[in-house]
Amino acid sequence: MVDHTVANKECRERMGAAYALHKEVGGLPQQEQVDALHQRLDETLDNRIATNETTKKVPKTTMRKTVVTTRGKDTPSSKRQRKLTDYK
């Protein structure tokens, strides 16, 4: 099974390479050019798998509470947070 983010990244790379080839040729590329592109992309993917680059860990995000201190009292900085704390 393939992670969606990895598959999405690979698809975008392949589409970008195909678009660049089309733009470079100025029309439809020859079959040999397409085959060379596929080979180059497959080699890149093989190298990435060999170096284990596709399984990078995604850093955990932390929720930060932004608080502005005035006169020793903590008041939330956003308007929505202020309204929610007014009802408590």
Protein backbone atom coordinates (compact mmCIF):
# COMPACT_ATOMS: atom_id res chain seq x y z
CA MET A 1 0.00 0.00 0.00
CA VAL A 2 1.25 3.50 -0.81
CA ASP A 3 0.75 6.58 1.32
CA HIS A 4 -1.44 9.18 -0.38
CA THR A 5 1.03 12.02 0.10
CA VAL A 6 3.85 9.99 -1.49
CA ALA A 7 1.67 8.96 -4.43
CA ASN A 8 0.45 12.53 -4.88
CA LYS A 9 4.02 13.87 -4.89
CA GLU A 10 5.13 11.25 -7.42
CA CYS A 11 2.16 12.00 -9.68
CA ARG A 12 2.89 15.74 -9.62
CA GLU A 13 6.53 15.09 -10.48
CA ARG A 14 5.58 12.88 -13.42
CA MET A 15 3.01 15.36 -14.72
CA GLY A 16 5.50 18.21 -14.41
CA ALA A 17 8.16 16.24 -16.29
CA ALA A 18 5.70 15.33 -19.04
CA TYR A 19 4.58 18.95 -19.34
CA ALA A 20 8.21 20.12 -19.52
CA LEU A 21 8.96 17.58 -22.26
CA HIS A 22 5.91 18.67 -24.23
CA LYS A 23 6.90 22.32 -23.90
CA GLU A 24 10.52 21.59 -24.82
CA VAL A 25 9.54 19.71 -27.98
CA GLY A 26 6.84 22.20 -28.92
CA GLY A 27 4.20 19.57 -29.58
CA LEU A 28 3.81 15.84 -29.27
CA PRO A 29 7.11 14.15 -28.37
CA GLN A 30 8.45 11.10 -30.17
CA GLN A 31 7.99 7.69 -28.55
CA GLU A 32 11.74 7.46 -27.87
CA GLN A 33 11.61 10.72 -25.90
CA VAL A 34 8.66 9.48 -23.86
CA ASP A 35 10.44 6.18 -23.16
CA ALA A 36 13.56 8.05 -22.04
CA LEU A 37 11.42 10.19 -19.71
CA HIS A 38 9.79 7.09 -18.19
CA GLN A 39 13.19 5.49 -17.67
CA ARG A 40 14.59 8.61 -16.02
CA LEU A 41 11.58 8.91 -13.70
CA ASP A 42 11.75 5.21 -12.77
CA GLU A 43 15.46 5.53 -11.96
CA THR A 44 14.74 8.54 -9.78
CA LEU A 45 12.04 6.60 -7.93
CA ASP A 46 14.35 3.60 -7.50
CA ASN A 47 17.06 5.84 -6.06
CA ARG A 48 14.55 7.41 -3.69
CA ILE A 49 13.38 4.01 -2.49
CA ALA A 50 16.98 2.84 -2.06
CA THR A 51 17.80 5.85 0.11
CA ASN A 52 14.48 5.50 1.96
CA GLU A 53 13.55 9.09 1.11
CA THR A 54 9.87 8.30 0.56
CA THR A 55 9.28 7.39 4.19
CA LYS A 56 10.16 10.69 5.82
CA LYS A 57 8.54 11.31 9.15
CA VAL A 58 6.06 14.15 9.27
CA PRO A 59 6.74 16.43 12.22
CA LYS A 60 4.00 16.66 14.80
CA THR A 61 2.30 20.00 14.98
CA THR A 62 1.74 21.57 18.34
CA MET A 63 -1.14 23.77 19.23
CA ARG A 64 0.14 27.00 20.68
CA LYS A 65 -2.02 29.17 22.85
CA THR A 66 -1.29 32.81 22.17
CA VAL A 67 -1.96 34.84 25.25
CA VAL A 68 -1.40 38.53 25.81
CA THR A 69 -0.77 39.45 29.41
CA THR A 70 -2.21 42.75 30.63
CA ARG A 71 -2.24 43.76 34.28
CA GLY A 72 -1.52 40.22 35.40
CA LYS A 73 -4.63 38.87 33.67
CA ASP A 74 -4.38 36.47 30.72
CA THR A 75 -6.57 37.49 27.82
CA PRO A 76 -6.75 35.54 24.55
CA SER A 77 -5.36 37.40 21.57
CA SER A 78 -7.92 36.46 18.93
CA LYS A 79 -11.39 37.98 18.79
CA ARG A 80 -13.04 34.54 18.68
CA GLN A 81 -11.15 33.35 21.77
CA ARG A 82 -12.12 36.52 23.63
CA LYS A 83 -15.80 35.98 22.82
CA LEU A 84 -15.62 32.34 23.95
CA THR A 85 -14.00 33.26 27.25
CA ASP A 86 -16.62 35.97 27.90
CA TYR A 87 -19.33 33.29 28.07
CA LYS A 88 -17.54 31.18 30.72
